[in-house]
Structure formats: structure tokens, C-alpha cells
Amino acid sequence: MGIGDVYEVTVGDCTDVHYVDTGMYDVAEYGSIYIIDAERPALVDTGIGARHENILSAMESVGIAPEDLEVIATTHVHLDHAGGAGYLAEDCPNATVYVHESGKRHLVDPGRLWEGTKHAVGDQIEFYGKPIPVADDRIETLTDGDVIDLGNHSLEVLHAPGHAPHQVVFYDPVVDSVFTADAAGIYTPSTDEMHVTTPPVNFTLDEALDDVAMLQDLDPEILMFGHYGPAETGDKLETYTEILPEWVAEVERKREELDDDEAVIDYFVERADTDTWGERKGRAEMRLNVRGVLVALDNREE
């Protein structure tokens, strides 16, 4: 697997779905977007704006011209999932951009989201590409229970606010698959490991666990991870329900011990996994996840 490579999803009985490694943060096996070669061709998520050309190239390799794309379905407005929406809307003039109703304002005017992202990710912002607006009349808002009709496929919308209030997941019953956004955590296929994702400022443990429970009730055959790639569901959701509260409890214990949030962050960053995505991204990912838990703990106390 390599950055920019396009793969057909062959897990289970999946048809018509491809994914591309967008090379997010200049590392492989972290960011993926999906191309559904349906009667109404669709993208699920866009990745960061700086990598939108990779998606256009991937569409071309699948046989979808920019003017033929009809749907850009964003799972949420975080820039690693929707940062390229404005660029792709410009390049694909007949596509409608779909987003949860609470996220629309951030696509129309991404300035506040850009500033918040710079604050959250620090020097990683160099990898992003500043987002550009999506015209109001190119956006269709979503709420729980909506369906995006793709002709021979469909995307059923399920609100999943534990990671962010504007997050949805999409269930495609034709291939019994869920495009999970960040609701099911992070998966690395090369190591077959699950990882937590708990960034600031909207992560809440209880709602995140509710989101996983919703996915368990749905019981799909395939999970289409935004980070990273498709996989058989197996016991991955059960694993996530175990490691997520354990992670939050670990940060909470260390905070009680050190009584200094910066010391807590430094403690975990020094122990970050640097094998999976390299030292820079591994440490940055850990910093982001610890900060998210600390914010969630503060909010729980209010």
C-alpha cells in the first residue's frame, strides 16, 4: 500500500466501492476516502484540502470524470474528513455536498474551523491546506434517518455525535457496510490493530460509546474506516468499547497523579507509538488524543 494508490474494496460481498490512501500527514495508512461507482457516483469524505488532487486522480482511475460526480458525502467537518470539500466542489461542478445540519456553516465559511484546527494540531497544520468555502446552494444538509439515494446504492444517515456533534456515519445496505468516520476508532490493516481517537474539543466518552453500540446493533459485515481502509467487522467494535474507556481512565489517573495537564500530555507523548505512522505523526496523534480527554474530563465536571 502506498500514498495515492487506489484499491477496490473486496472485503465481503462489496461491489462498486474503491478507496484511496490520501497520504494524510505525509504518512501511508492513515487517511482514506471512498469512491462509490454507483448510478449516482459518490465520494465519502474528501480528506484534507492539500491532497484533493489524489482524489481526482483516483476517480479517473475508477472511470469517473469530475463532471460526472454527483455526491460528496462528508461524515463531519473536521478538516481531515472535509477539508477538501471546497476544492472538489469547484472541480466537480455537478456534485452536491452533503453534511450534517450542524456542520453546514463551517463549509460555507470555514474560517473559524481553520483557526480552531490550527490551535488543535499545532505545527501539523502545514499538511492541511487552507479550506475554501462551499457555495450555500451546493450543500444539502442531513439529519438522522435521512437517505442519500445513489440509484443502485444508498447511504443511510445515522447521527454519531460522540466524536463531534456534526458527525454522521453512512450505512450502505446493498453491501452491508458502514462508513464509520471516527465513530469506530482508528484501524491499521498492516498490524490489524485498533486505536483510539479522542481529539478536542467535542469528544465525550458516553456518547462515543453510544455510537459504537449503535454500530453493534446495526451489525454490518464491513467497516469502512476513515482511518484507515475497509475491514470485516469481526470483533473490532467490541475491542473499541474496551480500549476507549480504558484510555480515558488512564489519562484521568495520570492527571490525578501529576496534577499538571502539560505534564500529563508530556508523559503520554514520550510513550507514543512511533512505529505505525512515524515519530512526528505518532507523537502529534498522542498529544491530540490526550488533550481531547482532558477537555472531556473538564466538561464532565462542569
C-alpha atoms as a PDB file:
ATOM      1  CA  MET A   1       0.000   0.000   0.000  1.00  0.00           C
ATOM      2  CA  GLY A   2       1.247   3.449  -0.847  1.00  0.00           C
ATOM      3  CA  ILE A   3       0.173   7.071  -0.873  1.00  0.00           C
ATOM      4  CA  GLY A   4      -2.145   7.813  -3.786  1.00  0.00           C
ATOM      5  CA  ASP A   5      -2.789   4.149  -4.522  1.00  0.00           C
ATOM      6  CA  VAL A   6      -6.366   3.157  -5.327  1.00  0.00           C
ATOM      7  CA  TYR A   7      -7.826  -0.156  -4.206  1.00  0.00           C
ATOM      8  CA  GLU A   8     -11.062  -1.938  -4.904  1.00  0.00           C
ATOM      9  CA  VAL A   9     -12.881  -2.964  -1.741  1.00  0.00           C
ATOM     10  CA  THR A  10     -13.004  -6.751  -1.921  1.00  0.00           C
ATOM     11  CA  VAL A  11     -14.000  -7.488   1.670  1.00  0.00           C
ATOM     12  CA  GLY A  12     -17.221  -9.488   1.970  1.00  0.00           C
ATOM     13  CA  ASP A  13     -19.570  -9.099  -0.984  1.00  0.00           C
ATOM     14  CA  CYS A  14     -18.730  -5.455  -1.552  1.00  0.00           C
ATOM     15  CA  THR A  15     -19.037  -4.139  -5.104  1.00  0.00           C
ATOM     16  CA  ASP A  16     -18.557  -0.761  -6.762  1.00  0.00           C
ATOM     17  CA  VAL A  17     -16.523   0.725  -3.893  1.00  0.00           C
ATOM     18  CA  HIS A  18     -12.891   1.837  -4.086  1.00  0.00           C
ATOM     19  CA  TYR A  19     -10.670   3.679  -1.647  1.00  0.00           C
ATOM     20  CA  VAL A  20      -7.542   5.774  -1.922  1.00  0.00           C
ATOM     21  CA  ASP A  21      -4.744   6.405   0.544  1.00  0.00           C
ATOM     22  CA  THR A  22      -4.644  10.192   0.581  1.00  0.00           C
ATOM     23  CA  GLY A  23      -1.221  10.360   2.222  1.00  0.00           C
ATOM     24  CA  MET A  24      -2.555  12.448   5.071  1.00  0.00           C
ATOM     25  CA  TYR A  25       0.263  13.982   7.170  1.00  0.00           C
ATOM     26  CA  ASP A  26       2.718  12.530   4.608  1.00  0.00           C
ATOM     27  CA  VAL A  27       2.239   9.041   6.024  1.00  0.00           C
ATOM     28  CA  ALA A  28       0.658   5.970   4.498  1.00  0.00           C
ATOM     29  CA  GLU A  29      -2.181   4.012   6.060  1.00  0.00           C
ATOM     30  CA  TYR A  30      -3.746   6.881   7.958  1.00  0.00           C
ATOM     31  CA  GLY A  31      -6.269   8.686   5.767  1.00  0.00           C
ATOM     32  CA  SER A  32      -8.663   7.075   3.305  1.00  0.00           C
ATOM     33  CA  ILE A  33     -11.587   8.339   1.259  1.00  0.00           C
ATOM     34  CA  TYR A  34     -14.077   6.182  -0.621  1.00  0.00           C
ATOM     35  CA  ILE A  35     -15.360   6.279  -4.184  1.00  0.00           C
ATOM     36  CA  ILE A  36     -18.692   4.616  -4.888  1.00  0.00           C
ATOM     37  CA  ASP A  37     -19.063   3.843  -8.593  1.00  0.00           C
ATOM     38  CA  ALA A  38     -22.850   3.900  -8.412  1.00  0.00           C
ATOM     39  CA  GLU A  39     -25.525   5.160 -10.812  1.00  0.00           C
ATOM     40  CA  ARG A  40     -25.030   8.452  -8.993  1.00  0.00           C
ATOM     41  CA  PRO A  41     -21.251   8.397  -8.426  1.00  0.00           C
ATOM     42  CA  ALA A  42     -20.237   9.473  -4.942  1.00  0.00           C
ATOM     43  CA  LEU A  43     -17.347  10.277  -2.666  1.00  0.00           C
ATOM     44  CA  VAL A  44     -17.474   9.599   1.041  1.00  0.00           C
ATOM     45  CA  ASP A  45     -15.287  12.270   2.660  1.00  0.00           C
ATOM     46  CA  THR A  46     -12.617  14.365   0.976  1.00  0.00           C
ATOM     47  CA  GLY A  47      -9.586  14.290   3.254  1.00  0.00           C
ATOM     48  CA  ILE A  48      -7.515  17.422   3.742  1.00  0.00           C
ATOM     49  CA  GLY A  49      -7.531  20.101   1.081  1.00  0.00           C
ATOM     50  CA  ALA A  50      -3.860  19.705   0.300  1.00  0.00           C
ATOM     51  CA  ARG A  51      -4.488  16.195  -1.057  1.00  0.00           C
ATOM     52  CA  HIS A  52      -7.583  16.728  -3.193  1.00  0.00           C
ATOM     53  CA  GLU A  53      -5.642  16.084  -6.412  1.00  0.00           C
ATOM     54  CA  ASN A  54      -5.081  12.497  -5.244  1.00  0.00           C
ATOM     55  CA  ILE A  55      -8.837  12.041  -5.115  1.00  0.00           C
ATOM     56  CA  LEU A  56      -9.337  13.385  -8.636  1.00  0.00           C
ATOM     57  CA  SER A  57      -6.662  11.002  -9.897  1.00  0.00           C
ATOM     58  CA  ALA A  58      -8.318   8.126  -8.047  1.00  0.00           C
ATOM     59  CA  MET A  59     -11.694   8.985  -9.578  1.00  0.00           C
ATOM     60  CA  GLU A  60     -10.087   8.985 -13.018  1.00  0.00           C
ATOM     61  CA  SER A  61      -8.600   5.539 -12.428  1.00  0.00           C
ATOM     62  CA  VAL A  62     -12.055   4.244 -11.455  1.00  0.00           C
ATOM     63  CA  GLY A  63     -13.564   5.817 -14.571  1.00  0.00           C
ATOM     64  CA  ILE A  64     -15.442   8.745 -13.017  1.00  0.00           C
ATOM     65  CA  ALA A  65     -14.893  12.145 -14.637  1.00  0.00           C
ATOM     66  CA  PRO A  66     -15.122  15.231 -12.420  1.00  0.00           C
ATOM     67  CA  GLU A  67     -18.289  16.405 -14.169  1.00  0.00           C
ATOM     68  CA  ASP A  68     -19.939  13.006 -13.563  1.00  0.00           C
ATOM     69  CA  LEU A  69     -19.545  13.059  -9.775  1.00  0.00           C
ATOM     70  CA  GLU A  70     -22.954  13.735  -8.196  1.00  0.00           C
ATOM     71  CA  VAL A  71     -22.423  13.290  -4.449  1.00  0.00           C
ATOM     72  CA  ILE A  72     -19.766  14.423  -1.982  1.00  0.00           C
ATOM     73  CA  ALA A  73     -20.939  12.925   1.321  1.00  0.00           C
ATOM     74  CA  THR A  74     -18.963  14.272   4.264  1.00  0.00           C
ATOM     75  CA  THR A  75     -19.139  12.392   7.544  1.00  0.00           C
ATOM     76  CA  HIS A  76     -18.220  15.501   9.537  1.00  0.00           C
ATOM     77  CA  VAL A  77     -16.495  18.824   9.043  1.00  0.00           C
ATOM     78  CA  HIS A  78     -13.141  18.131  10.721  1.00  0.00           C
ATOM     79  CA  LEU A  79     -10.574  19.080   8.123  1.00  0.00           C
ATOM     80  CA  ASP A  80      -9.082  15.601   7.858  1.00  0.00           C
ATOM     81  CA  HIS A  81     -12.502  14.491   6.566  1.00  0.00           C
ATOM     82  CA  ALA A  82     -13.956  17.541   4.820  1.00  0.00           C
ATOM     83  CA  GLY A  83     -11.038  19.911   4.260  1.00  0.00           C
ATOM     84  CA  GLY A  84     -11.088  19.216   0.532  1.00  0.00           C
ATOM     85  CA  ALA A  85     -14.821  19.785   0.080  1.00  0.00           C
ATOM     86  CA  GLY A  86     -14.486  23.280  -1.355  1.00  0.00           C
ATOM     87  CA  TYR A  87     -11.760  22.264  -3.790  1.00  0.00           C
ATOM     88  CA  LEU A  88     -13.639  19.197  -5.001  1.00  0.00           C
ATOM     89  CA  ALA A  89     -16.885  21.123  -5.325  1.00  0.00           C
ATOM     90  CA  GLU A  90     -15.051  23.529  -7.642  1.00  0.00           C
ATOM     91  CA  ASP A  91     -13.519  20.685  -9.656  1.00  0.00           C
ATOM     92  CA  CYS A  92     -16.746  18.644  -9.789  1.00  0.00           C
ATOM     93  CA  PRO A  93     -19.383  21.204 -10.820  1.00  0.00           C
ATOM     94  CA  ASN A  94     -22.355  18.833 -10.752  1.00  0.00           C
ATOM     95  CA  ALA A  95     -21.750  17.395  -7.278  1.00  0.00           C
ATOM     96  CA  THR A  96     -23.889  18.199  -4.256  1.00  0.00           C
ATOM     97  CA  VAL A  97     -22.068  18.361  -0.916  1.00  0.00           C
ATOM     98  CA  TYR A  98     -23.889  16.628   1.929  1.00  0.00           C
ATOM     99  CA  VAL A  99     -23.176  17.447   5.582  1.00  0.00           C
ATOM    100  CA  HIS A 100     -24.948  17.221   8.920  1.00  0.00           C
ATOM    101  CA  GLU A 101     -27.136  20.248   9.522  1.00  0.00           C
ATOM    102  CA  SER A 102     -24.935  21.493  12.379  1.00  0.00           C
ATOM    103  CA  GLY A 103     -21.838  21.449  10.179  1.00  0.00           C
ATOM    104  CA  LYS A 104     -23.084  23.381   7.154  1.00  0.00           C
ATOM    105  CA  ARG A 105     -21.941  26.783   8.425  1.00  0.00           C
ATOM    106  CA  HIS A 106     -18.360  25.528   8.640  1.00  0.00           C
ATOM    107  CA  LEU A 107     -18.362  24.523   4.967  1.00  0.00           C
ATOM    108  CA  VAL A 108     -19.895  27.817   3.855  1.00  0.00           C
ATOM    109  CA  ASP A 109     -17.443  29.807   5.971  1.00  0.00           C
ATOM    110  CA  PRO A 110     -14.508  27.626   7.086  1.00  0.00           C
ATOM    111  CA  GLY A 111     -12.545  30.438   8.732  1.00  0.00           C
ATOM    112  CA  ARG A 112     -13.439  29.599  12.313  1.00  0.00           C
ATOM    113  CA  LEU A 113     -12.834  25.907  11.727  1.00  0.00           C
ATOM    114  CA  TRP A 114      -9.434  26.689  10.199  1.00  0.00           C
ATOM    115  CA  GLU A 115      -8.386  28.772  13.200  1.00  0.00           C
ATOM    116  CA  GLY A 116      -9.608  26.097  15.624  1.00  0.00           C
ATOM    117  CA  THR A 117      -7.758  23.399  13.742  1.00  0.00           C
ATOM    118  CA  LYS A 118      -4.514  25.402  13.826  1.00  0.00           C
ATOM    119  CA  HIS A 119      -4.869  25.692  17.576  1.00  0.00           C
ATOM    120  CA  ALA A 120      -5.611  21.970  17.983  1.00  0.00           C
ATOM    121  CA  VAL A 121      -2.956  20.438  15.722  1.00  0.00           C
ATOM    122  CA  GLY A 122      -0.082  22.900  16.095  1.00  0.00           C
ATOM    123  CA  ASP A 123       2.660  22.550  13.517  1.00  0.00           C
ATOM    124  CA  GLN A 124       0.794  19.713  11.790  1.00  0.00           C
ATOM    125  CA  ILE A 125      -1.265  22.428  10.130  1.00  0.00           C
ATOM    126  CA  GLU A 126       1.379  22.588   7.404  1.00  0.00           C
ATOM    127  CA  PHE A 127      -0.060  19.360   5.990  1.00  0.00           C
ATOM    128  CA  TYR A 128      -3.643  20.573   5.665  1.00  0.00           C
ATOM    129  CA  GLY A 129      -4.123  23.198   3.011  1.00  0.00           C
ATOM    130  CA  LYS A 130      -6.412  26.055   3.953  1.00  0.00           C
ATOM    131  CA  PRO A 131     -10.027  25.119   3.165  1.00  0.00           C
ATOM    132  CA  ILE A 132     -12.052  27.162   0.722  1.00  0.00           C
ATOM    133  CA  PRO A 133     -15.800  27.787   1.016  1.00  0.00           C
ATOM    134  CA  VAL A 134     -18.526  25.649  -0.493  1.00  0.00           C
ATOM    135  CA  ALA A 135     -21.322  27.713  -2.031  1.00  0.00           C
ATOM    136  CA  ASP A 136     -24.510  27.600   0.024  1.00  0.00           C
ATOM    137  CA  ASP A 137     -26.583  26.374  -2.929  1.00  0.00           C
ATOM    138  CA  ARG A 138     -24.240  23.399  -3.447  1.00  0.00           C
ATOM    139  CA  ILE A 139     -24.923  21.993   0.035  1.00  0.00           C
ATOM    140  CA  GLU A 140     -27.680  19.706   1.229  1.00  0.00           C
ATOM    141  CA  THR A 141     -27.996  19.216   4.969  1.00  0.00           C
ATOM    142  CA  LEU A 142     -28.521  15.869   6.677  1.00  0.00           C
ATOM    143  CA  THR A 143     -30.104  14.674   9.872  1.00  0.00           C
ATOM    144  CA  ASP A 144     -30.515  11.287  11.484  1.00  0.00           C
ATOM    145  CA  GLY A 145     -32.652   8.969   9.358  1.00  0.00           C
ATOM    146  CA  ASP A 146     -32.070  10.692   6.020  1.00  0.00           C
ATOM    147  CA  VAL A 147     -31.058   8.666   2.956  1.00  0.00           C
ATOM    148  CA  ILE A 148     -28.785   9.722   0.100  1.00  0.00           C
ATOM    149  CA  ASP A 149     -30.072   7.853  -2.957  1.00  0.00           C
ATOM    150  CA  LEU A 150     -27.276   6.734  -5.276  1.00  0.00           C
ATOM    151  CA  GLY A 151     -29.523   4.672  -7.563  1.00  0.00           C
ATOM    152  CA  ASN A 152     -28.164   1.159  -7.146  1.00  0.00           C
ATOM    153  CA  HIS A 153     -26.668   2.035  -3.743  1.00  0.00           C
ATOM    154  CA  SER A 154     -27.865   4.222  -0.885  1.00  0.00           C
ATOM    155  CA  LEU A 155     -26.331   5.902   2.121  1.00  0.00           C
ATOM    156  CA  GLU A 156     -28.496   5.791   5.235  1.00  0.00           C
ATOM    157  CA  VAL A 157     -27.592   8.589   7.642  1.00  0.00           C
ATOM    158  CA  LEU A 158     -27.018   7.836  11.326  1.00  0.00           C
ATOM    159  CA  HIS A 159     -26.077  10.651  13.689  1.00  0.00           C
ATOM    160  CA  ALA A 160     -22.960   9.788  15.727  1.00  0.00           C
ATOM    161  CA  PRO A 161     -22.117  12.798  17.922  1.00  0.00           C
ATOM    162  CA  GLY A 162     -19.612  11.258  20.344  1.00  0.00           C
ATOM    163  CA  HIS A 163     -16.625  12.396  18.297  1.00  0.00           C
ATOM    164  CA  ALA A 164     -18.218  15.664  17.191  1.00  0.00           C
ATOM    165  CA  PRO A 165     -21.808  16.960  17.150  1.00  0.00           C
ATOM    166  CA  HIS A 166     -21.723  17.229  13.355  1.00  0.00           C
ATOM    167  CA  GLN A 167     -20.607  13.629  12.765  1.00  0.00           C
ATOM    168  CA  VAL A 168     -22.718  11.096  10.916  1.00  0.00           C
ATOM    169  CA  VAL A 169     -21.961   7.615   9.658  1.00  0.00           C
ATOM    170  CA  PHE A 170     -23.364   6.181   6.437  1.00  0.00           C
ATOM    171  CA  TYR A 171     -24.806   2.685   6.121  1.00  0.00           C
ATOM    172  CA  ASP A 172     -24.999   1.161   2.629  1.00  0.00           C
ATOM    173  CA  PRO A 173     -27.390  -1.812   2.882  1.00  0.00           C
ATOM    174  CA  VAL A 174     -26.524  -3.033  -0.611  1.00  0.00           C
ATOM    175  CA  VAL A 175     -23.057  -4.054   0.564  1.00  0.00           C
ATOM    176  CA  ASP A 176     -23.857  -4.228   4.320  1.00  0.00           C
ATOM    177  CA  SER A 177     -21.171  -1.676   5.086  1.00  0.00           C
ATOM    178  CA  VAL A 178     -20.828   1.347   7.354  1.00  0.00           C
ATOM    179  CA  PHE A 179     -18.616   4.290   6.503  1.00  0.00           C
ATOM    180  CA  THR A 180     -17.571   4.851  10.093  1.00  0.00           C
ATOM    181  CA  ALA A 181     -15.936   8.300  10.094  1.00  0.00           C
ATOM    182  CA  ASP A 182     -14.290   8.345  13.555  1.00  0.00           C
ATOM    183  CA  ALA A 183     -17.141   6.608  15.381  1.00  0.00           C
ATOM    184  CA  ALA A 184     -15.414   3.221  15.463  1.00  0.00           C
ATOM    185  CA  GLY A 185     -11.899   4.476  16.150  1.00  0.00           C
ATOM    186  CA  ILE A 186      -8.815   4.041  14.002  1.00  0.00           C
ATOM    187  CA  TYR A 187      -7.752   0.791  12.370  1.00  0.00           C
ATOM    188  CA  THR A 188      -4.387  -0.127  10.852  1.00  0.00           C
ATOM    189  CA  PRO A 189      -4.706  -3.065   8.455  1.00  0.00           C
ATOM    190  CA  SER A 190      -0.979  -3.836   8.316  1.00  0.00           C
ATOM    191  CA  THR A 191      -0.948  -4.618  12.047  1.00  0.00           C
ATOM    192  CA  ASP A 192      -4.654  -5.461  12.480  1.00  0.00           C
ATOM    193  CA  GLU A 193      -4.818  -3.084  15.446  1.00  0.00           C
ATOM    194  CA  MET A 194      -7.455  -0.714  16.768  1.00  0.00           C
ATOM    195  CA  HIS A 195      -6.510   2.729  18.096  1.00  0.00           C
ATOM    196  CA  VAL A 196      -8.481   5.392  19.933  1.00  0.00           C
ATOM    197  CA  THR A 197      -9.329   8.815  18.584  1.00  0.00           C
ATOM    198  CA  THR A 198     -10.279  11.389  21.228  1.00  0.00           C
ATOM    199  CA  PRO A 199      -9.399  14.867  19.932  1.00  0.00           C
ATOM    200  CA  PRO A 200     -10.589  18.138  21.424  1.00  0.00           C
ATOM    201  CA  VAL A 201     -12.956  19.820  21.801  1.00  0.00           C
ATOM    202  CA  ASN A 202     -16.133  17.784  21.349  1.00  0.00           C
ATOM    203  CA  PHE A 203     -15.203  14.214  22.298  1.00  0.00           C
ATOM    204  CA  THR A 204     -17.404  12.738  25.011  1.00  0.00           C
ATOM    205  CA  LEU A 205     -16.917   9.189  26.266  1.00  0.00           C
ATOM    206  CA  ASP A 206     -20.547   8.326  26.944  1.00  0.00           C
ATOM    207  CA  GLU A 207     -21.754   9.500  23.545  1.00  0.00           C
ATOM    208  CA  ALA A 208     -18.799   7.852  21.811  1.00  0.00           C
ATOM    209  CA  LEU A 209     -19.701   4.532  23.435  1.00  0.00           C
ATOM    210  CA  ASP A 210     -23.328   5.075  22.431  1.00  0.00           C
ATOM    211  CA  ASP A 211     -22.158   5.498  18.843  1.00  0.00           C
ATOM    212  CA  VAL A 212     -20.294   2.197  18.960  1.00  0.00           C
ATOM    213  CA  ALA A 213     -23.337   0.499  20.487  1.00  0.00           C
ATOM    214  CA  MET A 214     -25.431   1.829  17.599  1.00  0.00           C
ATOM    215  CA  LEU A 215     -22.992   0.277  15.143  1.00  0.00           C
ATOM    216  CA  GLN A 216     -23.073  -3.000  17.054  1.00  0.00           C
ATOM    217  CA  ASP A 217     -26.868  -3.040  16.838  1.00  0.00           C
ATOM    218  CA  LEU A 218     -26.611  -2.441  13.106  1.00  0.00           C
ATOM    219  CA  ASP A 219     -24.186  -5.395  12.873  1.00  0.00           C
ATOM    220  CA  PRO A 220     -22.670  -4.613   9.464  1.00  0.00           C
ATOM    221  CA  GLU A 221     -20.413  -7.059   7.690  1.00  0.00           C
ATOM    222  CA  ILE A 222     -17.880  -4.388   6.729  1.00  0.00           C
ATOM    223  CA  LEU A 223     -16.495  -1.289   8.438  1.00  0.00           C
ATOM    224  CA  MET A 224     -15.173   1.372   6.067  1.00  0.00           C
ATOM    225  CA  PHE A 225     -12.788   3.245   8.344  1.00  0.00           C
ATOM    226  CA  GLY A 226     -11.861   6.833   7.572  1.00  0.00           C
ATOM    227  CA  HIS A 227      -8.604   5.934   9.299  1.00  0.00           C
ATOM    228  CA  TYR A 228      -7.917   3.530   7.617  1.00  0.00           C
ATOM    229  CA  GLY A 229      -9.468   1.336   4.971  1.00  0.00           C
ATOM    230  CA  PRO A 230     -12.143  -1.381   4.844  1.00  0.00           C
ATOM    231  CA  ALA A 231     -12.210  -4.420   7.129  1.00  0.00           C
ATOM    232  CA  GLU A 232     -14.537  -7.167   8.194  1.00  0.00           C
ATOM    233  CA  THR A 233     -16.298  -6.093  11.362  1.00  0.00           C
ATOM    234  CA  GLY A 234     -15.367  -9.195  13.362  1.00  0.00           C
ATOM    235  CA  ASP A 235     -14.707  -8.185  16.971  1.00  0.00           C
ATOM    236  CA  LYS A 236     -13.429  -4.687  16.165  1.00  0.00           C
ATOM    237  CA  LEU A 237     -16.370  -2.864  17.704  1.00  0.00           C
ATOM    238  CA  GLU A 238     -16.138  -4.935  20.873  1.00  0.00           C
ATOM    239  CA  THR A 239     -12.442  -4.161  21.040  1.00  0.00           C
ATOM    240  CA  TYR A 240     -13.133  -0.452  20.712  1.00  0.00           C
ATOM    241  CA  THR A 241     -15.668  -0.499  23.539  1.00  0.00           C
ATOM    242  CA  GLU A 242     -12.912  -1.957  25.719  1.00  0.00           C
ATOM    243  CA  ILE A 243      -9.939   0.224  24.809  1.00  0.00           C
ATOM    244  CA  LEU A 244     -11.767   3.573  24.703  1.00  0.00           C
ATOM    245  CA  PRO A 245     -12.878   3.757  28.366  1.00  0.00           C
ATOM    246  CA  GLU A 246      -9.580   2.187  29.444  1.00  0.00           C
ATOM    247  CA  TRP A 247      -7.739   5.004  27.661  1.00  0.00           C
ATOM    248  CA  VAL A 248      -9.864   7.728  29.256  1.00  0.00           C
ATOM    249  CA  ALA A 249      -9.389   6.169  32.693  1.00  0.00           C
ATOM    250  CA  GLU A 250      -5.624   6.001  32.140  1.00  0.00           C
ATOM    251  CA  VAL A 251      -5.426   9.715  31.349  1.00  0.00           C
ATOM    252  CA  GLU A 252      -7.658  10.534  34.310  1.00  0.00           C
ATOM    253  CA  ARG A 253      -5.439   8.544  36.691  1.00  0.00           C
ATOM    254  CA  LYS A 254      -2.307  10.264  35.409  1.00  0.00           C
ATOM    255  CA  ARG A 255      -3.932  13.674  35.813  1.00  0.00           C
ATOM    256  CA  GLU A 256      -4.763  12.893  39.439  1.00  0.00           C
ATOM    257  CA  GLU A 257      -1.189  11.755  39.996  1.00  0.00           C
ATOM    258  CA  LEU A 258       0.624  14.667  38.325  1.00  0.00           C
ATOM    259  CA  ASP A 259      -1.908  17.465  38.854  1.00  0.00           C
ATOM    260  CA  ASP A 260      -0.488  19.294  35.832  1.00  0.00           C
ATOM    261  CA  ASP A 261      -2.077  18.902  32.410  1.00  0.00           C
ATOM    262  CA  GLU A 262       1.066  19.756  30.445  1.00  0.00           C
ATOM    263  CA  ALA A 263       2.953  17.135  32.439  1.00  0.00           C
ATOM    264  CA  VAL A 264       0.217  14.627  31.642  1.00  0.00           C
ATOM    265  CA  ILE A 265       0.485  15.397  27.945  1.00  0.00           C
ATOM    266  CA  ASP A 266       4.277  15.140  28.026  1.00  0.00           C
ATOM    267  CA  TYR A 267       4.086  11.828  29.897  1.00  0.00           C
ATOM    268  CA  PHE A 268       1.978  10.189  27.210  1.00  0.00           C
ATOM    269  CA  VAL A 269       3.736  11.828  24.268  1.00  0.00           C
ATOM    270  CA  GLU A 270       7.037  10.370  25.454  1.00  0.00           C
ATOM    271  CA  ARG A 271       5.387   6.930  25.325  1.00  0.00           C
ATOM    272  CA  ALA A 272       3.661   7.385  21.973  1.00  0.00           C
ATOM    273  CA  ASP A 273       3.638   4.663  19.332  1.00  0.00           C
ATOM    274  CA  THR A 274       6.070   5.859  16.666  1.00  0.00           C
ATOM    275  CA  ASP A 275       6.173   2.629  14.661  1.00  0.00           C
ATOM    276  CA  THR A 276       2.795   2.888  12.949  1.00  0.00           C
ATOM    277  CA  TRP A 277       2.884   6.411  11.435  1.00  0.00           C
ATOM    278  CA  GLY A 278       6.403   7.566  12.298  1.00  0.00           C
ATOM    279  CA  GLU A 279       7.695   9.667  15.156  1.00  0.00           C
ATOM    280  CA  ARG A 280       6.259  13.042  14.196  1.00  0.00           C
ATOM    281  CA  LYS A 281       2.712  11.881  13.498  1.00  0.00           C
ATOM    282  CA  GLY A 282       2.731   9.327  16.310  1.00  0.00           C
ATOM    283  CA  ARG A 283       3.647  11.935  18.898  1.00  0.00           C
ATOM    284  CA  ALA A 284       1.240  14.504  17.465  1.00  0.00           C
ATOM    285  CA  GLU A 285      -1.598  11.988  17.468  1.00  0.00           C
ATOM    286  CA  MET A 286      -0.943  11.192  21.105  1.00  0.00           C
ATOM    287  CA  ARG A 287      -0.835  14.862  22.073  1.00  0.00           C
ATOM    288  CA  LEU A 288      -4.174  15.489  20.361  1.00  0.00           C
ATOM    289  CA  ASN A 289      -5.846  12.489  21.982  1.00  0.00           C
ATOM    290  CA  VAL A 290      -4.641  13.341  25.495  1.00  0.00           C
ATOM    291  CA  ARG A 291      -5.807  16.934  25.155  1.00  0.00           C
ATOM    292  CA  GLY A 292      -9.201  15.740  23.996  1.00  0.00           C
ATOM    293  CA  VAL A 293      -9.628  13.539  27.047  1.00  0.00           C
ATOM    294  CA  LEU A 294      -8.534  16.321  29.384  1.00  0.00           C
ATOM    295  CA  VAL A 295     -11.108  18.683  27.852  1.00  0.00           C
ATOM    296  CA  ALA A 296     -13.778  15.979  28.145  1.00  0.00           C
ATOM    297  CA  LEU A 297     -12.920  15.450  31.811  1.00  0.00           C
ATOM    298  CA  ASP A 298     -13.228  19.172  32.451  1.00  0.00           C
ATOM    299  CA  ASN A 299     -16.592  19.295  30.708  1.00  0.00           C
ATOM    300  CA  ARG A 300     -17.848  16.341  32.714  1.00  0.00           C
ATOM    301  CA  GLU A 301     -17.086  18.183  35.932  1.00  0.00           C
ATOM    302  CA  GLU A 302     -18.997  21.318  34.954  1.00  0.00           C
END
